N, C-alpha and C. Protein backbone atom coordinates (compact mmCIF):
# COMPACT_ATOMS: atom_id res chain seq x y z
N MET A 1 0.85 -1.16 0.00
CA MET A 1 0.00 0.00 0.00
C MET A 1 0.90 1.23 0.00
N HIS A 2 0.67 2.07 -0.96
CA HIS A 2 1.47 3.28 -1.02
C HIS A 2 0.76 4.39 -0.27
N THR A 3 1.39 4.83 0.79
CA THR A 3 0.90 5.99 1.52
C THR A 3 1.94 7.08 1.32
N ILE A 4 1.66 8.25 1.80
CA ILE A 4 2.64 9.33 1.68
C ILE A 4 3.91 8.96 2.42
N ILE A 5 3.76 8.35 3.60
CA ILE A 5 4.94 7.99 4.39
C ILE A 5 5.81 7.01 3.62
N SER A 6 5.21 5.99 3.03
CA SER A 6 6.01 4.98 2.33
C SER A 6 6.60 5.54 1.05
N THR A 7 6.01 6.56 0.48
CA THR A 7 6.49 7.12 -0.77
C THR A 7 7.63 8.11 -0.57
N VAL A 8 7.53 8.97 0.44
CA VAL A 8 8.54 10.03 0.58
C VAL A 8 9.44 9.89 1.80
N GLY A 9 9.23 8.90 2.61
CA GLY A 9 10.10 8.71 3.77
C GLY A 9 9.39 8.99 5.06
N ASP A 10 9.99 8.54 6.13
CA ASP A 10 9.35 8.53 7.43
C ASP A 10 9.02 9.91 7.98
N ALA A 11 10.01 10.70 8.36
CA ALA A 11 9.75 12.00 8.99
C ALA A 11 9.06 12.95 8.00
N ARG A 12 9.59 13.03 6.80
CA ARG A 12 8.99 13.90 5.78
C ARG A 12 7.56 13.46 5.51
N GLY A 13 7.34 12.16 5.40
CA GLY A 13 6.02 11.64 5.12
C GLY A 13 5.03 11.92 6.24
N ARG A 14 5.46 11.74 7.50
CA ARG A 14 4.57 12.01 8.63
C ARG A 14 4.14 13.48 8.65
N LEU A 15 5.09 14.37 8.44
CA LEU A 15 4.76 15.80 8.45
C LEU A 15 3.89 16.15 7.24
N LEU A 16 4.21 15.59 6.11
CA LEU A 16 3.44 15.85 4.90
C LEU A 16 1.99 15.38 5.08
N GLU A 17 1.81 14.20 5.63
CA GLU A 17 0.44 13.72 5.88
C GLU A 17 -0.29 14.64 6.85
N ALA A 18 0.38 15.10 7.88
CA ALA A 18 -0.26 16.00 8.85
C ALA A 18 -0.69 17.29 8.16
N VAL A 19 0.16 17.85 7.31
CA VAL A 19 -0.16 19.09 6.60
C VAL A 19 -1.32 18.88 5.64
N VAL A 20 -1.28 17.78 4.91
CA VAL A 20 -2.31 17.51 3.91
C VAL A 20 -3.67 17.30 4.56
N ARG A 21 -3.70 16.74 5.76
CA ARG A 21 -4.96 16.45 6.45
C ARG A 21 -5.52 17.65 7.23
N SER A 22 -4.76 18.71 7.38
CA SER A 22 -5.16 19.80 8.27
C SER A 22 -5.51 21.07 7.51
N ASP A 23 -6.46 21.80 8.06
CA ASP A 23 -6.82 23.11 7.52
C ASP A 23 -6.44 24.24 8.48
N ARG A 24 -5.83 23.89 9.61
CA ARG A 24 -5.51 24.88 10.63
C ARG A 24 -4.09 25.40 10.50
N SER A 25 -3.89 26.63 10.93
CA SER A 25 -2.55 27.19 11.07
C SER A 25 -1.95 26.64 12.35
N ARG A 26 -0.66 26.31 12.28
CA ARG A 26 0.02 25.78 13.46
C ARG A 26 1.44 26.33 13.48
N THR A 27 1.99 26.38 14.69
CA THR A 27 3.39 26.77 14.82
C THR A 27 4.26 25.59 14.42
N THR A 28 5.53 25.87 14.22
CA THR A 28 6.48 24.81 13.90
C THR A 28 6.46 23.76 15.00
N ARG A 29 6.42 24.20 16.23
CA ARG A 29 6.39 23.27 17.37
C ARG A 29 5.15 22.38 17.32
N GLU A 30 3.99 22.97 17.03
CA GLU A 30 2.76 22.18 16.95
C GLU A 30 2.82 21.16 15.82
N TRP A 31 3.36 21.57 14.66
CA TRP A 31 3.49 20.62 13.54
C TRP A 31 4.45 19.49 13.91
N ALA A 32 5.52 19.84 14.60
CA ALA A 32 6.50 18.83 15.02
C ALA A 32 5.84 17.81 15.95
N ARG A 33 5.11 18.31 16.93
CA ARG A 33 4.44 17.42 17.89
C ARG A 33 3.38 16.57 17.19
N ARG A 34 2.63 17.17 16.31
CA ARG A 34 1.55 16.47 15.61
C ARG A 34 2.06 15.33 14.74
N SER A 35 3.26 15.48 14.21
CA SER A 35 3.79 14.47 13.28
C SER A 35 4.94 13.67 13.87
N ASP A 36 5.26 13.89 15.13
CA ASP A 36 6.35 13.17 15.80
C ASP A 36 7.68 13.35 15.07
N VAL A 37 7.98 14.61 14.77
CA VAL A 37 9.22 15.00 14.10
C VAL A 37 9.89 16.03 15.01
N SER A 38 11.21 16.05 15.04
CA SER A 38 11.88 17.05 15.88
C SER A 38 11.54 18.45 15.37
N GLN A 39 11.56 19.41 16.27
CA GLN A 39 11.20 20.77 15.89
C GLN A 39 12.14 21.35 14.82
N PRO A 40 13.48 21.18 14.94
CA PRO A 40 14.35 21.70 13.88
C PRO A 40 14.07 21.04 12.52
N GLN A 41 13.82 19.72 12.54
CA GLN A 41 13.53 19.02 11.29
C GLN A 41 12.19 19.50 10.72
N ALA A 42 11.19 19.69 11.58
CA ALA A 42 9.89 20.19 11.12
C ALA A 42 10.04 21.57 10.49
N GLY A 43 10.85 22.44 11.12
CA GLY A 43 11.07 23.78 10.56
C GLY A 43 11.68 23.71 9.18
N GLU A 44 12.69 22.87 9.00
CA GLU A 44 13.33 22.72 7.70
C GLU A 44 12.36 22.17 6.66
N LEU A 45 11.62 21.15 7.04
CA LEU A 45 10.67 20.54 6.10
C LEU A 45 9.54 21.51 5.74
N LEU A 46 9.06 22.25 6.71
CA LEU A 46 8.00 23.23 6.43
C LEU A 46 8.49 24.31 5.47
N ARG A 47 9.75 24.73 5.60
CA ARG A 47 10.31 25.70 4.65
C ARG A 47 10.36 25.09 3.25
N GLN A 48 10.72 23.81 3.17
CA GLN A 48 10.72 23.13 1.86
C GLN A 48 9.31 23.03 1.29
N PHE A 49 8.35 22.73 2.15
CA PHE A 49 6.96 22.65 1.70
C PHE A 49 6.47 24.00 1.20
N GLU A 50 6.96 25.06 1.84
CA GLU A 50 6.57 26.40 1.40
C GLU A 50 7.14 26.69 0.02
N GLU A 51 8.37 26.28 -0.24
CA GLU A 51 8.97 26.47 -1.57
C GLU A 51 8.20 25.70 -2.64
N LEU A 52 7.59 24.58 -2.26
CA LEU A 52 6.81 23.77 -3.19
C LEU A 52 5.39 24.30 -3.40
N GLY A 53 5.01 25.32 -2.62
CA GLY A 53 3.67 25.88 -2.75
C GLY A 53 2.62 25.08 -2.01
N LEU A 54 3.04 24.30 -1.03
CA LEU A 54 2.11 23.48 -0.27
C LEU A 54 1.60 24.20 0.98
N VAL A 55 2.46 25.00 1.61
CA VAL A 55 2.08 25.77 2.79
C VAL A 55 2.51 27.22 2.61
N GLU A 56 1.93 28.06 3.44
CA GLU A 56 2.37 29.46 3.51
C GLU A 56 2.64 29.77 4.97
N SER A 57 3.55 30.70 5.19
CA SER A 57 3.92 31.02 6.56
C SER A 57 3.62 32.47 6.88
N ALA A 58 3.48 32.70 8.16
CA ALA A 58 3.30 34.06 8.69
C ALA A 58 3.96 34.07 10.06
N ILE A 59 4.37 35.24 10.48
CA ILE A 59 4.99 35.37 11.80
C ILE A 59 3.93 35.91 12.76
N ALA A 60 3.80 35.22 13.88
CA ALA A 60 2.87 35.62 14.93
C ALA A 60 3.68 35.72 16.21
N GLY A 61 4.01 36.94 16.59
CA GLY A 61 4.88 37.13 17.76
C GLY A 61 6.26 36.59 17.43
N ARG A 62 6.71 35.60 18.20
CA ARG A 62 8.04 35.01 17.97
C ARG A 62 7.94 33.67 17.23
N SER A 63 6.75 33.32 16.81
CA SER A 63 6.55 32.01 16.19
C SER A 63 6.26 32.13 14.70
N HIS A 64 6.69 31.12 13.98
CA HIS A 64 6.29 30.98 12.58
C HIS A 64 5.03 30.12 12.56
N MET A 65 4.03 30.60 11.87
CA MET A 65 2.79 29.84 11.69
C MET A 65 2.77 29.33 10.25
N TYR A 66 2.44 28.06 10.08
CA TYR A 66 2.35 27.47 8.76
C TYR A 66 0.93 26.95 8.54
N THR A 67 0.41 27.24 7.36
CA THR A 67 -0.94 26.82 6.98
C THR A 67 -0.89 26.18 5.60
N ALA A 68 -1.58 25.06 5.45
CA ALA A 68 -1.67 24.42 4.14
C ALA A 68 -2.43 25.34 3.20
N ILE A 69 -1.96 25.44 1.98
CA ILE A 69 -2.64 26.25 0.96
C ILE A 69 -3.76 25.39 0.38
N GLN A 70 -4.99 25.80 0.66
CA GLN A 70 -6.16 24.99 0.30
C GLN A 70 -6.24 24.67 -1.19
N GLU A 71 -5.92 25.63 -2.03
CA GLU A 71 -6.07 25.43 -3.47
C GLU A 71 -4.83 24.84 -4.14
N SER A 72 -3.83 24.46 -3.36
CA SER A 72 -2.61 23.89 -3.91
C SER A 72 -2.92 22.59 -4.66
N VAL A 73 -2.48 22.52 -5.90
CA VAL A 73 -2.67 21.32 -6.71
C VAL A 73 -1.94 20.14 -6.06
N LEU A 74 -0.75 20.38 -5.55
CA LEU A 74 0.01 19.32 -4.88
C LEU A 74 -0.77 18.78 -3.69
N ARG A 75 -1.36 19.64 -2.89
CA ARG A 75 -2.14 19.20 -1.73
C ARG A 75 -3.33 18.36 -2.17
N ARG A 76 -4.02 18.78 -3.21
CA ARG A 76 -5.17 18.01 -3.70
C ARG A 76 -4.73 16.62 -4.18
N ARG A 77 -3.58 16.55 -4.85
CA ARG A 77 -3.08 15.25 -5.32
C ARG A 77 -2.72 14.35 -4.13
N LEU A 78 -2.10 14.93 -3.12
CA LEU A 78 -1.74 14.15 -1.93
C LEU A 78 -2.98 13.71 -1.16
N GLN A 79 -4.01 14.54 -1.11
CA GLN A 79 -5.25 14.15 -0.46
C GLN A 79 -5.88 12.98 -1.19
N ALA A 80 -5.78 12.97 -2.51
CA ALA A 80 -6.31 11.84 -3.29
C ALA A 80 -5.59 10.55 -2.92
N LEU A 81 -4.29 10.62 -2.72
CA LEU A 81 -3.53 9.44 -2.32
C LEU A 81 -4.01 8.94 -0.96
N LEU A 82 -4.32 9.83 -0.05
CA LEU A 82 -4.81 9.43 1.26
C LEU A 82 -6.21 8.82 1.17
N GLY A 83 -6.94 9.11 0.11
CA GLY A 83 -8.29 8.57 -0.07
C GLY A 83 -8.32 7.22 -0.77
N LEU A 84 -7.16 6.60 -0.96
CA LEU A 84 -7.08 5.33 -1.67
C LEU A 84 -7.96 4.27 -1.02
N ARG A 85 -7.94 4.18 0.30
CA ARG A 85 -8.76 3.18 1.00
C ARG A 85 -10.23 3.37 0.66
N ASP A 86 -10.70 4.60 0.68
CA ASP A 86 -12.10 4.87 0.38
C ASP A 86 -12.45 4.46 -1.05
N ASP A 87 -11.52 4.69 -1.97
CA ASP A 87 -11.76 4.29 -3.36
C ASP A 87 -11.85 2.77 -3.49
N ILE A 88 -11.00 2.05 -2.77
CA ILE A 88 -11.04 0.59 -2.81
C ILE A 88 -12.36 0.09 -2.21
N VAL A 89 -12.78 0.66 -1.09
CA VAL A 89 -14.04 0.26 -0.46
C VAL A 89 -15.21 0.54 -1.41
N GLU A 90 -15.20 1.70 -2.05
CA GLU A 90 -16.28 2.05 -2.97
C GLU A 90 -16.35 1.05 -4.13
N SER A 91 -15.21 0.75 -4.72
CA SER A 91 -15.18 -0.20 -5.83
C SER A 91 -15.62 -1.59 -5.39
N ALA A 92 -15.15 -2.02 -4.22
CA ALA A 92 -15.51 -3.34 -3.71
C ALA A 92 -17.01 -3.42 -3.40
N THR A 93 -17.58 -2.36 -2.86
CA THR A 93 -19.00 -2.33 -2.54
C THR A 93 -19.84 -2.34 -3.81
N GLU A 94 -19.44 -1.54 -4.80
CA GLU A 94 -20.17 -1.51 -6.07
C GLU A 94 -20.17 -2.89 -6.73
N ARG A 95 -19.03 -3.56 -6.73
CA ARG A 95 -18.92 -4.87 -7.37
C ARG A 95 -19.70 -5.93 -6.59
N ALA A 96 -19.86 -5.74 -5.29
CA ALA A 96 -20.53 -6.72 -4.45
C ALA A 96 -22.05 -6.67 -4.58
N VAL A 97 -22.57 -5.69 -5.29
CA VAL A 97 -24.02 -5.55 -5.44
C VAL A 97 -24.63 -6.82 -6.05
N ASN A 98 -23.90 -7.48 -6.93
CA ASN A 98 -24.44 -8.67 -7.58
C ASN A 98 -24.06 -9.97 -6.87
N ALA A 99 -23.71 -9.89 -5.60
CA ALA A 99 -23.35 -11.09 -4.83
C ALA A 99 -24.58 -11.97 -4.64
N PRO A 100 -24.36 -13.27 -4.60
CA PRO A 100 -25.47 -14.15 -4.24
C PRO A 100 -26.02 -13.73 -2.88
N PRO A 101 -27.32 -13.92 -2.64
CA PRO A 101 -27.94 -13.40 -1.42
C PRO A 101 -27.39 -13.98 -0.12
N ASP A 102 -26.77 -15.13 -0.16
CA ASP A 102 -26.28 -15.75 1.07
C ASP A 102 -24.77 -15.55 1.27
N VAL A 103 -24.21 -14.54 0.62
CA VAL A 103 -22.77 -14.26 0.71
C VAL A 103 -22.57 -12.95 1.47
N ARG A 104 -21.70 -12.99 2.47
CA ARG A 104 -21.32 -11.78 3.20
C ARG A 104 -19.83 -11.58 3.01
N VAL A 105 -19.44 -10.39 2.57
CA VAL A 105 -18.03 -10.05 2.37
C VAL A 105 -17.71 -8.87 3.29
N VAL A 106 -16.63 -9.02 4.07
CA VAL A 106 -16.22 -7.98 5.01
C VAL A 106 -14.75 -7.67 4.79
N LEU A 107 -14.43 -6.40 4.60
CA LEU A 107 -13.04 -5.95 4.52
C LEU A 107 -12.53 -5.80 5.95
N PHE A 108 -11.35 -6.35 6.23
CA PHE A 108 -10.79 -6.21 7.57
C PHE A 108 -9.30 -5.94 7.47
N GLY A 109 -8.65 -5.81 8.61
CA GLY A 109 -7.20 -5.59 8.64
C GLY A 109 -6.85 -4.12 8.54
N SER A 110 -5.60 -3.87 8.17
CA SER A 110 -5.08 -2.49 8.18
C SER A 110 -5.83 -1.58 7.23
N LEU A 111 -6.28 -2.09 6.12
CA LEU A 111 -7.02 -1.25 5.17
C LEU A 111 -8.36 -0.83 5.77
N ALA A 112 -9.05 -1.74 6.42
CA ALA A 112 -10.33 -1.40 7.06
C ALA A 112 -10.14 -0.40 8.19
N ARG A 113 -9.04 -0.52 8.92
CA ARG A 113 -8.75 0.42 10.02
C ARG A 113 -8.19 1.74 9.50
N ASN A 114 -7.99 1.83 8.19
CA ASN A 114 -7.38 2.99 7.55
C ASN A 114 -6.00 3.27 8.12
N ASP A 115 -5.26 2.20 8.32
CA ASP A 115 -3.90 2.26 8.85
C ASP A 115 -2.97 1.42 7.97
N PRO A 116 -3.02 1.65 6.64
CA PRO A 116 -2.23 0.79 5.76
C PRO A 116 -0.74 1.05 5.90
N ARG A 117 0.02 0.04 5.66
CA ARG A 117 1.48 0.10 5.65
C ARG A 117 1.95 -0.19 4.24
N ASP A 118 3.23 -0.06 4.01
CA ASP A 118 3.77 -0.27 2.68
C ASP A 118 3.47 -1.67 2.16
N ALA A 119 3.47 -2.67 3.03
CA ALA A 119 3.26 -4.06 2.60
C ALA A 119 1.80 -4.49 2.76
N SER A 120 0.88 -3.56 2.96
CA SER A 120 -0.51 -3.91 3.18
C SER A 120 -1.12 -4.54 1.93
N ASP A 121 -2.14 -5.34 2.19
CA ASP A 121 -2.90 -5.95 1.12
C ASP A 121 -4.37 -5.82 1.47
N VAL A 122 -5.23 -6.39 0.66
CA VAL A 122 -6.66 -6.35 0.91
C VAL A 122 -7.04 -7.65 1.60
N ASP A 123 -7.53 -7.56 2.83
CA ASP A 123 -7.95 -8.72 3.59
C ASP A 123 -9.47 -8.79 3.58
N LEU A 124 -10.00 -9.90 3.07
CA LEU A 124 -11.44 -10.09 3.01
C LEU A 124 -11.84 -11.30 3.83
N CYS A 125 -12.93 -11.16 4.54
CA CYS A 125 -13.57 -12.29 5.20
C CYS A 125 -14.83 -12.56 4.39
N VAL A 126 -14.97 -13.80 3.95
CA VAL A 126 -16.15 -14.20 3.19
C VAL A 126 -16.88 -15.26 3.99
N VAL A 127 -18.13 -14.98 4.30
CA VAL A 127 -18.99 -15.96 4.97
C VAL A 127 -20.03 -16.37 3.94
N ALA A 128 -19.94 -17.63 3.50
CA ALA A 128 -20.81 -18.10 2.43
C ALA A 128 -20.86 -19.62 2.42
N PRO A 129 -21.96 -20.16 1.93
CA PRO A 129 -22.01 -21.61 1.79
C PRO A 129 -21.07 -22.05 0.67
N HIS A 130 -20.65 -23.29 0.74
CA HIS A 130 -19.80 -23.84 -0.32
C HIS A 130 -20.69 -24.38 -1.43
N SER A 131 -20.63 -23.73 -2.58
CA SER A 131 -21.33 -24.21 -3.77
C SER A 131 -20.58 -23.69 -4.98
N GLU A 132 -20.76 -24.35 -6.09
CA GLU A 132 -20.01 -23.97 -7.28
C GLU A 132 -20.31 -22.53 -7.70
N GLY A 133 -21.58 -22.15 -7.70
CA GLY A 133 -21.95 -20.79 -8.10
C GLY A 133 -21.34 -19.72 -7.19
N VAL A 134 -21.39 -19.97 -5.90
CA VAL A 134 -20.82 -19.03 -4.93
C VAL A 134 -19.30 -18.98 -5.10
N ASP A 135 -18.67 -20.13 -5.26
CA ASP A 135 -17.21 -20.18 -5.42
C ASP A 135 -16.77 -19.40 -6.66
N VAL A 136 -17.51 -19.52 -7.75
CA VAL A 136 -17.18 -18.79 -8.98
C VAL A 136 -17.33 -17.29 -8.74
N TRP A 137 -18.42 -16.88 -8.07
CA TRP A 137 -18.61 -15.45 -7.81
C TRP A 137 -17.47 -14.92 -6.95
N ILE A 138 -17.08 -15.64 -5.91
CA ILE A 138 -15.99 -15.19 -5.03
C ILE A 138 -14.69 -15.06 -5.81
N ASP A 139 -14.37 -16.05 -6.64
CA ASP A 139 -13.13 -15.99 -7.44
C ASP A 139 -13.13 -14.77 -8.35
N GLU A 140 -14.26 -14.51 -9.02
CA GLU A 140 -14.35 -13.34 -9.91
C GLU A 140 -14.25 -12.04 -9.13
N TYR A 141 -14.89 -12.00 -7.97
CA TYR A 141 -14.87 -10.81 -7.12
C TYR A 141 -13.44 -10.50 -6.65
N VAL A 142 -12.76 -11.52 -6.17
CA VAL A 142 -11.39 -11.36 -5.68
C VAL A 142 -10.47 -10.93 -6.82
N SER A 143 -10.62 -11.53 -7.98
CA SER A 143 -9.81 -11.17 -9.14
C SER A 143 -10.03 -9.70 -9.53
N HIS A 144 -11.28 -9.29 -9.57
CA HIS A 144 -11.60 -7.89 -9.90
C HIS A 144 -10.99 -6.94 -8.88
N LEU A 145 -11.15 -7.25 -7.61
CA LEU A 145 -10.63 -6.37 -6.56
C LEU A 145 -9.11 -6.26 -6.63
N GLY A 146 -8.44 -7.35 -6.94
CA GLY A 146 -6.99 -7.32 -7.12
C GLY A 146 -6.59 -6.43 -8.29
N ARG A 147 -7.34 -6.52 -9.39
CA ARG A 147 -7.02 -5.70 -10.57
C ARG A 147 -7.22 -4.22 -10.30
N VAL A 148 -8.35 -3.85 -9.69
CA VAL A 148 -8.63 -2.42 -9.51
C VAL A 148 -7.81 -1.79 -8.40
N SER A 149 -7.41 -2.58 -7.39
CA SER A 149 -6.65 -2.01 -6.29
C SER A 149 -5.14 -2.07 -6.53
N GLY A 150 -4.71 -3.00 -7.37
CA GLY A 150 -3.28 -3.21 -7.56
C GLY A 150 -2.61 -3.88 -6.38
N LEU A 151 -3.41 -4.44 -5.48
CA LEU A 151 -2.89 -5.06 -4.27
C LEU A 151 -3.23 -6.54 -4.25
N ALA A 152 -2.46 -7.29 -3.49
CA ALA A 152 -2.79 -8.70 -3.27
C ALA A 152 -4.06 -8.76 -2.43
N VAL A 153 -4.92 -9.74 -2.71
CA VAL A 153 -6.15 -9.92 -1.97
C VAL A 153 -6.09 -11.27 -1.27
N ASN A 154 -6.24 -11.24 0.05
CA ASN A 154 -6.26 -12.45 0.86
C ASN A 154 -7.69 -12.70 1.33
N VAL A 155 -8.13 -13.96 1.24
CA VAL A 155 -9.49 -14.30 1.62
C VAL A 155 -9.47 -15.28 2.78
N LEU A 156 -10.22 -14.96 3.81
CA LEU A 156 -10.46 -15.84 4.94
C LEU A 156 -11.91 -16.29 4.79
N ARG A 157 -12.12 -17.58 4.55
CA ARG A 157 -13.45 -18.08 4.19
C ARG A 157 -14.06 -18.92 5.30
N PHE A 158 -15.32 -18.67 5.57
CA PHE A 158 -16.10 -19.43 6.55
C PHE A 158 -17.44 -19.78 5.92
N ASP A 159 -18.02 -20.88 6.34
CA ASP A 159 -19.45 -21.05 6.06
C ASP A 159 -20.17 -20.47 7.28
N GLY A 160 -21.47 -20.42 7.26
CA GLY A 160 -22.22 -19.77 8.34
C GLY A 160 -21.98 -20.39 9.71
N VAL A 161 -21.92 -21.73 9.77
CA VAL A 161 -21.70 -22.41 11.04
C VAL A 161 -20.30 -22.13 11.56
N GLU A 162 -19.32 -22.20 10.67
CA GLU A 162 -17.93 -21.92 11.08
C GLU A 162 -17.79 -20.51 11.63
N TRP A 163 -18.44 -19.53 10.98
CA TRP A 163 -18.38 -18.14 11.42
C TRP A 163 -19.01 -17.99 12.81
N THR A 164 -20.18 -18.57 12.98
CA THR A 164 -20.86 -18.50 14.28
C THR A 164 -20.01 -19.14 15.37
N ASP A 165 -19.42 -20.29 15.06
CA ASP A 165 -18.54 -20.97 16.02
C ASP A 165 -17.32 -20.12 16.35
N ALA A 166 -16.70 -19.52 15.34
CA ALA A 166 -15.50 -18.69 15.56
C ALA A 166 -15.82 -17.52 16.48
N LEU A 167 -16.96 -16.87 16.25
CA LEU A 167 -17.37 -15.77 17.13
C LEU A 167 -17.69 -16.28 18.53
N GLY A 168 -18.43 -17.39 18.59
CA GLY A 168 -18.82 -17.95 19.88
C GLY A 168 -17.64 -18.43 20.70
N ASN A 169 -16.59 -18.91 20.02
CA ASN A 169 -15.39 -19.38 20.72
C ASN A 169 -14.42 -18.25 21.03
N GLY A 170 -14.77 -17.03 20.63
CA GLY A 170 -13.91 -15.88 20.91
C GLY A 170 -12.61 -15.87 20.12
N GLU A 171 -12.61 -16.47 18.92
CA GLU A 171 -11.40 -16.45 18.11
C GLU A 171 -11.05 -15.01 17.77
N ARG A 172 -9.81 -14.66 18.03
CA ARG A 172 -9.37 -13.27 17.91
C ARG A 172 -9.63 -12.68 16.52
N VAL A 173 -9.30 -13.42 15.47
CA VAL A 173 -9.48 -12.88 14.13
C VAL A 173 -10.96 -12.61 13.85
N ALA A 174 -11.84 -13.50 14.31
CA ALA A 174 -13.27 -13.29 14.10
C ALA A 174 -13.76 -12.06 14.88
N LEU A 175 -13.29 -11.92 16.10
CA LEU A 175 -13.68 -10.76 16.91
C LEU A 175 -13.16 -9.46 16.30
N ASP A 176 -11.92 -9.49 15.79
CA ASP A 176 -11.35 -8.31 15.13
C ASP A 176 -12.16 -7.94 13.89
N ILE A 177 -12.54 -8.94 13.11
CA ILE A 177 -13.34 -8.69 11.90
C ILE A 177 -14.68 -8.09 12.28
N ALA A 178 -15.33 -8.67 13.29
CA ALA A 178 -16.63 -8.17 13.73
C ALA A 178 -16.52 -6.73 14.27
N ARG A 179 -15.41 -6.41 14.92
CA ARG A 179 -15.23 -5.08 15.52
C ARG A 179 -14.82 -4.03 14.49
N ASP A 180 -13.82 -4.34 13.65
CA ASP A 180 -13.23 -3.34 12.77
C ASP A 180 -13.62 -3.47 11.30
N GLY A 181 -14.28 -4.56 10.95
CA GLY A 181 -14.55 -4.83 9.54
C GLY A 181 -15.54 -3.87 8.91
N ILE A 182 -15.40 -3.71 7.61
CA ILE A 182 -16.32 -2.90 6.82
C ILE A 182 -17.13 -3.88 5.97
N VAL A 183 -18.43 -3.95 6.22
CA VAL A 183 -19.29 -4.87 5.50
C VAL A 183 -19.48 -4.34 4.08
N LEU A 184 -19.08 -5.17 3.10
CA LEU A 184 -19.19 -4.79 1.70
C LEU A 184 -20.47 -5.32 1.08
N THR A 185 -20.92 -6.47 1.55
CA THR A 185 -22.18 -7.05 1.10
C THR A 185 -22.68 -8.03 2.15
N GLY A 186 -23.97 -8.22 2.20
CA GLY A 186 -24.55 -9.13 3.18
C GLY A 186 -24.83 -8.41 4.47
N GLU A 187 -25.48 -9.10 5.37
CA GLU A 187 -25.85 -8.53 6.66
C GLU A 187 -24.69 -8.62 7.64
N PRO A 188 -24.40 -7.56 8.39
CA PRO A 188 -23.36 -7.65 9.43
C PRO A 188 -23.82 -8.62 10.51
N SER A 189 -22.83 -9.27 11.16
CA SER A 189 -23.18 -10.21 12.23
C SER A 189 -23.08 -9.56 13.58
């Protein structure tokens, strides 16, 4: 999963993501704290961002205040990159409209939590009966999702009884899916 952090580096990426997500003016110290970057490094990076037309600065007393430029083309492009998860969920939900009625697909893991890492993939939980028609639909769905997302798709498959048992037995993965998962099709459990 390509995020800003994985694309441009750790400290620069953290500060860049903070700037892209914010509409507020902040001091160098506040930006540093918000992105877990040292204050001198934040000051240098913010000056670089200003040269790129991403932020503008003003002096308030003894502090430099930096604000993201709302109409910056670079900022809009970076915001689009941050919206990748939403685009994948939208595509997956649209494609799931034609799912057989007894199929439930749930996105889980780092993508569902909106905490993707560089090595993230698409984790799906599928609760469905085993039948040829359902199996074909799942294979086509997974293939489509892999093509549109550009990511590997992993499927954790249960039938209805197995899913109920996993939840009833308190299996961690089932509880995590039930807690953090995004239902793409079918009724949530």
